[in-house]
Amino acid sequence: PEAKGLSASTVARLKRQWAQEYDAWRQCRLDRDRWVYLWADGIYSGLRAEDAKLCALVVIGVNDRGEKCFLAIEDGVRESTQSWR
């Protein structure tokens, strides 16, 4: 009730649109830039799954022009070798 204008059909349409945008973003080539710095980290949301905290694995890069770019995001259970694989 507090989210007027966000009907189930609107949310479904937005999710489809965002999924298409995300898929297009994931296909972007990373070899067009020279990456001089990469930052990889797990970000915890505070939400919990059954027995674990949910974690988003993110990679941010800085190119040789000093521009920061968001390079990757994936679901993870925690910051672990298994999640990063």
PDB file of N, CA and C in Angstrom:
ATOM      1  N   PRO A   1       0.807  -1.213   0.000  1.00  0.00           N
ATOM      2  CA  PRO A   1       0.000   0.000   0.000  1.00  0.00           C
ATOM      3  C   PRO A   1       0.850   1.277   0.000  1.00  0.00           C
ATOM      4  N   GLU A   2       2.053   1.217   0.550  1.00  0.00           N
ATOM      5  CA  GLU A   2       2.898   2.413   0.615  1.00  0.00           C
ATOM      6  C   GLU A   2       3.632   2.678  -0.697  1.00  0.00           C
ATOM      7  N   ALA A   3       3.596   1.744  -1.616  1.00  0.00           N
ATOM      8  CA  ALA A   3       4.303   1.889  -2.897  1.00  0.00           C
ATOM      9  C   ALA A   3       3.283   2.054  -4.014  1.00  0.00           C
ATOM     10  N   LYS A   4       2.598   3.169  -3.981  1.00  0.00           N
ATOM     11  CA  LYS A   4       1.567   3.419  -4.996  1.00  0.00           C
ATOM     12  C   LYS A   4       2.199   3.463  -6.383  1.00  0.00           C
ATOM     13  N   GLY A   5       1.518   2.878  -7.351  1.00  0.00           N
ATOM     14  CA  GLY A   5       2.019   2.849  -8.717  1.00  0.00           C
ATOM     15  C   GLY A   5       2.916   1.660  -9.012  1.00  0.00           C
ATOM     16  N   LEU A   6       3.217   0.863  -8.005  1.00  0.00           N
ATOM     17  CA  LEU A   6       4.051  -0.325  -8.218  1.00  0.00           C
ATOM     18  C   LEU A   6       3.187  -1.578  -8.142  1.00  0.00           C
ATOM     19  N   SER A   7       2.381  -1.751  -9.132  1.00  0.00           N
ATOM     20  CA  SER A   7       1.541  -2.943  -9.196  1.00  0.00           C
ATOM     21  C   SER A   7       2.409  -4.146  -9.542  1.00  0.00           C
ATOM     22  N   ALA A   8       1.843  -5.319  -9.409  1.00  0.00           N
ATOM     23  CA  ALA A   8       2.576  -6.542  -9.747  1.00  0.00           C
ATOM     24  C   ALA A   8       3.021  -6.519 -11.205  1.00  0.00           C
ATOM     25  N   SER A   9       2.191  -6.015 -12.096  1.00  0.00           N
ATOM     26  CA  SER A   9       2.572  -5.976 -13.511  1.00  0.00           C
ATOM     27  C   SER A   9       3.691  -4.962 -13.757  1.00  0.00           C
ATOM     28  N   THR A  10       3.683  -3.838 -13.039  1.00  0.00           N
ATOM     29  CA  THR A  10       4.756  -2.848 -13.179  1.00  0.00           C
ATOM     30  C   THR A  10       6.083  -3.428 -12.696  1.00  0.00           C
ATOM     31  N   VAL A  11       6.049  -4.088 -11.564  1.00  0.00           N
ATOM     32  CA  VAL A  11       7.268  -4.702 -11.026  1.00  0.00           C
ATOM     33  C   VAL A  11       7.779  -5.779 -11.981  1.00  0.00           C
ATOM     34  N   ALA A  12       6.905  -6.586 -12.522  1.00  0.00           N
ATOM     35  CA  ALA A  12       7.308  -7.632 -13.474  1.00  0.00           C
ATOM     36  C   ALA A  12       7.934  -7.014 -14.721  1.00  0.00           C
ATOM     37  N   ARG A  13       7.330  -5.932 -15.226  1.00  0.00           N
ATOM     38  CA  ARG A  13       7.874  -5.253 -16.413  1.00  0.00           C
ATOM     39  C   ARG A  13       9.250  -4.671 -16.114  1.00  0.00           C
ATOM     40  N   LEU A  14       9.407  -4.025 -14.955  1.00  0.00           N
ATOM     41  CA  LEU A  14      10.702  -3.452 -14.579  1.00  0.00           C
ATOM     42  C   LEU A  14      11.765  -4.538 -14.424  1.00  0.00           C
ATOM     43  N   LYS A  15      11.384  -5.660 -13.824  1.00  0.00           N
ATOM     44  CA  LYS A  15      12.340  -6.769 -13.665  1.00  0.00           C
ATOM     45  C   LYS A  15      12.807  -7.290 -15.012  1.00  0.00           C
ATOM     46  N   ARG A  16      11.905  -7.410 -15.973  1.00  0.00           N
ATOM     47  CA  ARG A  16      12.286  -7.856 -17.317  1.00  0.00           C
ATOM     48  C   ARG A  16      13.250  -6.853 -17.961  1.00  0.00           C
ATOM     49  N   GLN A  17      12.926  -5.577 -17.827  1.00  0.00           N
ATOM     50  CA  GLN A  17      13.777  -4.530 -18.403  1.00  0.00           C
ATOM     51  C   GLN A  17      15.158  -4.545 -17.753  1.00  0.00           C
ATOM     52  N   TRP A  18      15.196  -4.625 -16.420  1.00  0.00           N
ATOM     53  CA  TRP A  18      16.481  -4.639 -15.717  1.00  0.00           C
ATOM     54  C   TRP A  18      17.290  -5.883 -16.068  1.00  0.00           C
ATOM     55  N   ALA A  19      16.620  -7.014 -16.241  1.00  0.00           N
ATOM     56  CA  ALA A  19      17.329  -8.238 -16.615  1.00  0.00           C
ATOM     57  C   ALA A  19      17.976  -8.080 -17.990  1.00  0.00           C
ATOM     58  N   GLN A  20      17.276  -7.446 -18.923  1.00  0.00           N
ATOM     59  CA  GLN A  20      17.847  -7.203 -20.258  1.00  0.00           C
ATOM     60  C   GLN A  20      19.045  -6.256 -20.175  1.00  0.00           C
ATOM     61  N   GLU A  21      18.909  -5.198 -19.375  1.00  0.00           N
ATOM     62  CA  GLU A  21      20.014  -4.245 -19.213  1.00  0.00           C
ATOM     63  C   GLU A  21      21.218  -4.916 -18.553  1.00  0.00           C
ATOM     64  N   TYR A  22      20.963  -5.763 -17.562  1.00  0.00           N
ATOM     65  CA  TYR A  22      22.037  -6.468 -16.869  1.00  0.00           C
ATOM     66  C   TYR A  22      22.746  -7.430 -17.823  1.00  0.00           C
ATOM     67  N   ASP A  23      21.977  -8.160 -18.618  1.00  0.00           N
ATOM     68  CA  ASP A  23      22.582  -9.081 -19.583  1.00  0.00           C
ATOM     69  C   ASP A  23      23.445  -8.331 -20.595  1.00  0.00           C
ATOM     70  N   ALA A  24      22.978  -7.186 -21.074  1.00  0.00           N
ATOM     71  CA  ALA A  24      23.768  -6.378 -22.016  1.00  0.00           C
ATOM     72  C   ALA A  24      25.041  -5.873 -21.348  1.00  0.00           C
ATOM     73  N   TRP A  25      24.930  -5.421 -20.107  1.00  0.00           N
ATOM     74  CA  TRP A  25      26.099  -4.936 -19.359  1.00  0.00           C
ATOM     75  C   TRP A  25      27.125  -6.049 -19.165  1.00  0.00           C
ATOM     76  N   ARG A  26      26.660  -7.266 -18.880  1.00  0.00           N
ATOM     77  CA  ARG A  26      27.577  -8.391 -18.663  1.00  0.00           C
ATOM     78  C   ARG A  26      28.340  -8.769 -19.931  1.00  0.00           C
ATOM     79  N   GLN A  27      27.818  -8.396 -21.099  1.00  0.00           N
ATOM     80  CA  GLN A  27      28.470  -8.730 -22.363  1.00  0.00           C
ATOM     81  C   GLN A  27      29.508  -7.690 -22.791  1.00  0.00           C
ATOM     82  N   CYS A  28      29.592  -6.583 -22.063  1.00  0.00           N
ATOM     83  CA  CYS A  28      30.565  -5.536 -22.428  1.00  0.00           C
ATOM     84  C   CYS A  28      31.983  -6.093 -22.352  1.00  0.00           C
ATOM     85  N   ARG A  29      32.786  -5.727 -23.327  1.00  0.00           N
ATOM     86  CA  ARG A  29      34.170  -6.193 -23.369  1.00  0.00           C
ATOM     87  C   ARG A  29      35.019  -5.374 -22.405  1.00  0.00           C
ATOM     88  N   LEU A  30      35.840  -6.067 -21.640  1.00  0.00           N
ATOM     89  CA  LEU A  30      36.709  -5.405 -20.678  1.00  0.00           C
ATOM     90  C   LEU A  30      38.098  -5.135 -21.243  1.00  0.00           C
ATOM     91  N   ASP A  31      38.404  -5.702 -22.411  1.00  0.00           N
ATOM     92  CA  ASP A  31      39.749  -5.527 -22.969  1.00  0.00           C
ATOM     93  C   ASP A  31      39.892  -4.236 -23.775  1.00  0.00           C
ATOM     94  N   ARG A  32      38.881  -3.409 -23.761  1.00  0.00           N
ATOM     95  CA  ARG A  32      38.974  -2.115 -24.446  1.00  0.00           C
ATOM     96  C   ARG A  32      39.738  -1.090 -23.614  1.00  0.00           C
ATOM     97  N   ASP A  33      39.873  -1.358 -22.331  1.00  0.00           N
ATOM     98  CA  ASP A  33      40.600  -0.478 -21.430  1.00  0.00           C
ATOM     99  C   ASP A  33      41.801  -1.200 -20.837  1.00  0.00           C
ATOM    100  N   ARG A  34      42.733  -0.413 -20.378  1.00  0.00           N
ATOM    101  CA  ARG A  34      43.878  -0.946 -19.638  1.00  0.00           C
ATOM    102  C   ARG A  34      43.582  -0.708 -18.162  1.00  0.00           C
ATOM    103  N   TRP A  35      43.412  -1.782 -17.417  1.00  0.00           N
ATOM    104  CA  TRP A  35      43.033  -1.690 -16.008  1.00  0.00           C
ATOM    105  C   TRP A  35      44.292  -1.637 -15.160  1.00  0.00           C
ATOM    106  N   VAL A  36      44.445  -0.568 -14.410  1.00  0.00           N
ATOM    107  CA  VAL A  36      45.649  -0.393 -13.603  1.00  0.00           C
ATOM    108  C   VAL A  36      45.420  -0.722 -12.133  1.00  0.00           C
ATOM    109  N   TYR A  37      44.157  -0.839 -11.758  1.00  0.00           N
ATOM    110  CA  TYR A  37      43.841  -1.180 -10.376  1.00  0.00           C
ATOM    111  C   TYR A  37      42.512  -1.918 -10.366  1.00  0.00           C
ATOM    112  N   LEU A  38      42.452  -3.010  -9.628  1.00  0.00           N
ATOM    113  CA  LEU A  38      41.210  -3.770  -9.447  1.00  0.00           C
ATOM    114  C   LEU A  38      40.937  -3.908  -7.962  1.00  0.00           C
ATOM    115  N   TRP A  39      39.696  -3.745  -7.606  1.00  0.00           N
ATOM    116  CA  TRP A  39      39.258  -3.920  -6.237  1.00  0.00           C
ATOM    117  C   TRP A  39      38.173  -4.979  -6.237  1.00  0.00           C
ATOM    118  N   ALA A  40      38.376  -6.048  -5.485  1.00  0.00           N
ATOM    119  CA  ALA A  40      37.396  -7.132  -5.393  1.00  0.00           C
ATOM    120  C   ALA A  40      37.023  -7.305  -3.931  1.00  0.00           C
ATOM    121  N   ASP A  41      35.739  -7.365  -3.685  1.00  0.00           N
ATOM    122  CA  ASP A  41      35.306  -7.460  -2.295  1.00  0.00           C
ATOM    123  C   ASP A  41      33.934  -8.110  -2.238  1.00  0.00           C
ATOM    124  N   GLY A  42      33.601  -8.587  -1.085  1.00  0.00           N
ATOM    125  CA  GLY A  42      32.265  -9.094  -0.817  1.00  0.00           C
ATOM    126  C   GLY A  42      31.528  -8.074   0.019  1.00  0.00           C
ATOM    127  N   ILE A  43      30.320  -7.749  -0.374  1.00  0.00           N
ATOM    128  CA  ILE A  43      29.520  -6.771   0.355  1.00  0.00           C
ATOM    129  C   ILE A  43      28.324  -7.495   0.951  1.00  0.00           C
ATOM    130  N   TYR A  44      28.205  -7.390   2.255  1.00  0.00           N
ATOM    131  CA  TYR A  44      27.110  -8.061   2.959  1.00  0.00           C
ATOM    132  C   TYR A  44      25.934  -7.113   3.109  1.00  0.00           C
ATOM    133  N   SER A  45      24.741  -7.620   2.866  1.00  0.00           N
ATOM    134  CA  SER A  45      23.545  -6.786   2.911  1.00  0.00           C
ATOM    135  C   SER A  45      22.908  -6.730   4.289  1.00  0.00           C
ATOM    136  N   GLY A  46      23.252  -7.637   5.151  1.00  0.00           N
ATOM    137  CA  GLY A  46      22.564  -7.737   6.428  1.00  0.00           C
ATOM    138  C   GLY A  46      21.408  -8.726   6.372  1.00  0.00           C
ATOM    139  N   LEU A  47      20.990  -9.093   5.152  1.00  0.00           N
ATOM    140  CA  LEU A  47      19.958 -10.113   5.003  1.00  0.00           C
ATOM    141  C   LEU A  47      20.570 -11.487   5.225  1.00  0.00           C
ATOM    142  N   ARG A  48      19.777 -12.397   5.678  1.00  0.00           N
ATOM    143  CA  ARG A  48      20.272 -13.747   5.930  1.00  0.00           C
ATOM    144  C   ARG A  48      19.490 -14.752   5.105  1.00  0.00           C
ATOM    145  N   ALA A  49      20.226 -15.744   4.597  1.00  0.00           N
ATOM    146  CA  ALA A  49      19.584 -16.901   3.982  1.00  0.00           C
ATOM    147  C   ALA A  49      19.302 -17.877   5.125  1.00  0.00           C
ATOM    148  N   GLU A  50      19.125 -19.144   4.812  1.00  0.00           N
ATOM    149  CA  GLU A  50      18.797 -20.117   5.855  1.00  0.00           C
ATOM    150  C   GLU A  50      19.837 -20.141   6.967  1.00  0.00           C
ATOM    151  N   ASP A  51      21.109 -20.369   6.605  1.00  0.00           N
ATOM    152  CA  ASP A  51      22.147 -20.466   7.628  1.00  0.00           C
ATOM    153  C   ASP A  51      23.316 -19.521   7.377  1.00  0.00           C
ATOM    154  N   ALA A  52      23.199 -18.651   6.394  1.00  0.00           N
ATOM    155  CA  ALA A  52      24.351 -17.817   6.041  1.00  0.00           C
ATOM    156  C   ALA A  52      23.900 -16.398   5.717  1.00  0.00           C
ATOM    157  N   LYS A  53      24.831 -15.465   5.899  1.00  0.00           N
ATOM    158  CA  LYS A  53      24.578 -14.095   5.462  1.00  0.00           C
ATOM    159  C   LYS A  53      24.750 -14.046   3.949  1.00  0.00           C
ATOM    160  N   LEU A  54      23.897 -13.282   3.287  1.00  0.00           N
ATOM    161  CA  LEU A  54      24.010 -13.140   1.837  1.00  0.00           C
ATOM    162  C   LEU A  54      25.089 -12.119   1.512  1.00  0.00           C
ATOM    163  N   CYS A  55      25.812 -12.390   0.440  1.00  0.00           N
ATOM    164  CA  CYS A  55      26.945 -11.570   0.076  1.00  0.00           C
ATOM    165  C   CYS A  55      26.928 -11.318  -1.431  1.00  0.00           C
ATOM    166  N   ALA A  56      27.213 -10.080  -1.836  1.00  0.00           N
ATOM    167  CA  ALA A  56      27.377  -9.760  -3.255  1.00  0.00           C
ATOM    168  C   ALA A  56      28.870  -9.612  -3.510  1.00  0.00           C
ATOM    169  N   LEU A  57      29.386 -10.382  -4.449  1.00  0.00           N
ATOM    170  CA  LEU A  57      30.797 -10.292  -4.821  1.00  0.00           C
ATOM    171  C   LEU A  57      30.919  -9.253  -5.925  1.00  0.00           C
ATOM    172  N   VAL A  58      31.735  -8.231  -5.704  1.00  0.00           N
ATOM    173  CA  VAL A  58      31.844  -7.135  -6.664  1.00  0.00           C
ATOM    174  C   VAL A  58      33.299  -6.907  -7.058  1.00  0.00           C
ATOM    175  N   VAL A  59      33.489  -6.454  -8.301  1.00  0.00           N
ATOM    176  CA  VAL A  59      34.805  -6.075  -8.793  1.00  0.00           C
ATOM    177  C   VAL A  59      34.677  -4.684  -9.409  1.00  0.00           C
ATOM    178  N   ILE A  60      35.532  -3.778  -8.960  1.00  0.00           N
ATOM    179  CA  ILE A  60      35.580  -2.417  -9.490  1.00  0.00           C
ATOM    180  C   ILE A  60      36.988  -2.201 -10.006  1.00  0.00           C
ATOM    181  N   GLY A  61      37.104  -1.570 -11.158  1.00  0.00           N
ATOM    182  CA  GLY A  61      38.413  -1.312 -11.740  1.00  0.00           C
ATOM    183  C   GLY A  61      38.624   0.171 -11.982  1.00  0.00           C
ATOM    184  N   VAL A  62      39.908   0.556 -12.034  1.00  0.00           N
ATOM    185  CA  VAL A  62      40.286   1.911 -12.419  1.00  0.00           C
ATOM    186  C   VAL A  62      41.140   1.773 -13.670  1.00  0.00           C
ATOM    187  N   ASN A  63      40.736   2.485 -14.736  1.00  0.00           N
ATOM    188  CA  ASN A  63      41.506   2.388 -15.977  1.00  0.00           C
ATOM    189  C   ASN A  63      42.648   3.404 -16.000  1.00  0.00           C
ATOM    190  N   ASP A  64      43.428   3.389 -17.064  1.00  0.00           N
ATOM    191  CA  ASP A  64      44.605   4.255 -17.132  1.00  0.00           C
ATOM    192  C   ASP A  64      44.260   5.735 -17.299  1.00  0.00           C
ATOM    193  N   ARG A  65      42.982   6.057 -17.454  1.00  0.00           N
ATOM    194  CA  ARG A  65      42.542   7.450 -17.483  1.00  0.00           C
ATOM    195  C   ARG A  65      42.023   7.898 -16.117  1.00  0.00           C
ATOM    196  N   GLY A  66      42.097   6.995 -15.128  1.00  0.00           N
ATOM    197  CA  GLY A  66      41.648   7.308 -13.779  1.00  0.00           C
ATOM    198  C   GLY A  66      40.155   7.174 -13.569  1.00  0.00           C
ATOM    199  N   GLU A  67      39.466   6.533 -14.509  1.00  0.00           N
ATOM    200  CA  GLU A  67      38.018   6.356 -14.406  1.00  0.00           C
ATOM    201  C   GLU A  67      37.692   5.062 -13.671  1.00  0.00           C
ATOM    202  N   LYS A  68      36.811   5.152 -12.702  1.00  0.00           N
ATOM    203  CA  LYS A  68      36.356   3.968 -11.982  1.00  0.00           C
ATOM    204  C   LYS A  68      35.207   3.337 -12.754  1.00  0.00           C
ATOM    205  N   CYS A  69      35.226   2.012 -12.843  1.00  0.00           N
ATOM    206  CA  CYS A  69      34.167   1.279 -13.541  1.00  0.00           C
ATOM    207  C   CYS A  69      33.744   0.082 -12.701  1.00  0.00           C
ATOM    208  N   PHE A  70      32.459  -0.117 -12.659  1.00  0.00           N
ATOM    209  CA  PHE A  70      31.884  -1.269 -11.989  1.00  0.00           C
ATOM    210  C   PHE A  70      31.979  -2.425 -12.974  1.00  0.00           C
ATOM    211  N   LEU A  71      32.793  -3.427 -12.686  1.00  0.00           N
ATOM    212  CA  LEU A  71      33.091  -4.471 -13.659  1.00  0.00           C
ATOM    213  C   LEU A  71      32.276  -5.748 -13.494  1.00  0.00           C
ATOM    214  N   ALA A  72      31.948  -6.107 -12.264  1.00  0.00           N
ATOM    215  CA  ALA A  72      31.246  -7.383 -12.074  1.00  0.00           C
ATOM    216  C   ALA A  72      30.504  -7.395 -10.751  1.00  0.00           C
ATOM    217  N   ILE A  73      29.409  -8.131 -10.752  1.00  0.00           N
ATOM    218  CA  ILE A  73      28.673  -8.410  -9.514  1.00  0.00           C
ATOM    219  C   ILE A  73      28.042  -9.787  -9.664  1.00  0.00           C
ATOM    220  N   GLU A  74      28.184 -10.582  -8.638  1.00  0.00           N
ATOM    221  CA  GLU A  74      27.598 -11.929  -8.621  1.00  0.00           C
ATOM    222  C   GLU A  74      27.147 -12.242  -7.206  1.00  0.00           C
ATOM    223  N   ASP A  75      26.171 -13.130  -7.091  1.00  0.00           N
ATOM    224  CA  ASP A  75      25.742 -13.611  -5.780  1.00  0.00           C
ATOM    225  C   ASP A  75      26.837 -14.460  -5.174  1.00  0.00           C
ATOM    226  N   GLY A  76      26.982 -14.357  -3.880  1.00  0.00           N
ATOM    227  CA  GLY A  76      27.900 -15.214  -3.159  1.00  0.00           C
ATOM    228  C   GLY A  76      27.297 -15.564  -1.814  1.00  0.00           C
ATOM    229  N   VAL A  77      27.753 -16.645  -1.247  1.00  0.00           N
ATOM    230  CA  VAL A  77      27.281 -17.021   0.082  1.00  0.00           C
ATOM    231  C   VAL A  77      28.110 -16.277   1.121  1.00  0.00           C
ATOM    232  N   ARG A  78      29.388 -16.168   0.866  1.00  0.00           N
ATOM    233  CA  ARG A  78      30.308 -15.435   1.728  1.00  0.00           C
ATOM    234  C   ARG A  78      31.571 -15.195   0.923  1.00  0.00           C
ATOM    235  N   GLU A  79      32.485 -14.426   1.478  1.00  0.00           N
ATOM    236  CA  GLU A  79      33.761 -14.212   0.803  1.00  0.00           C
ATOM    237  C   GLU A  79      34.612 -15.463   1.013  1.00  0.00           C
ATOM    238  N   SER A  80      34.624 -16.316   0.030  1.00  0.00           N
ATOM    239  CA  SER A  80      35.384 -17.552   0.134  1.00  0.00           C
ATOM    240  C   SER A  80      35.931 -17.905  -1.240  1.00  0.00           C
ATOM    241  N   THR A  81      36.901 -18.760  -1.251  1.00  0.00           N
ATOM    242  CA  THR A  81      37.458 -19.226  -2.526  1.00  0.00           C
ATOM    243  C   THR A  81      36.368 -19.852  -3.379  1.00  0.00           C
ATOM    244  N   GLN A  82      35.503 -20.631  -2.752  1.00  0.00           N
ATOM    245  CA  GLN A  82      34.433 -21.300  -3.499  1.00  0.00           C
ATOM    246  C   GLN A  82      33.485 -20.269  -4.136  1.00  0.00           C
ATOM    247  N   SER A  83      33.107 -19.242  -3.404  1.00  0.00           N
ATOM    248  CA  SER A  83      32.217 -18.219  -3.973  1.00  0.00           C
ATOM    249  C   SER A  83      32.884 -17.472  -5.106  1.00  0.00           C
ATOM    250  N   TRP A  84      34.161 -17.124  -4.968  1.00  0.00           N
ATOM    251  CA  TRP A  84      34.858 -16.372  -6.022  1.00  0.00           C
ATOM    252  C   TRP A  84      35.059 -17.200  -7.279  1.00  0.00           C
ATOM    253  N   ARG A  85      35.159 -18.527  -7.149  1.00  0.00           N
ATOM    254  CA  ARG A  85      35.282 -19.359  -8.347  1.00  0.00           C
ATOM    255  C   ARG A  85      34.029 -19.240  -9.174  1.00  0.00           C
TER     256      ARG A  85
END
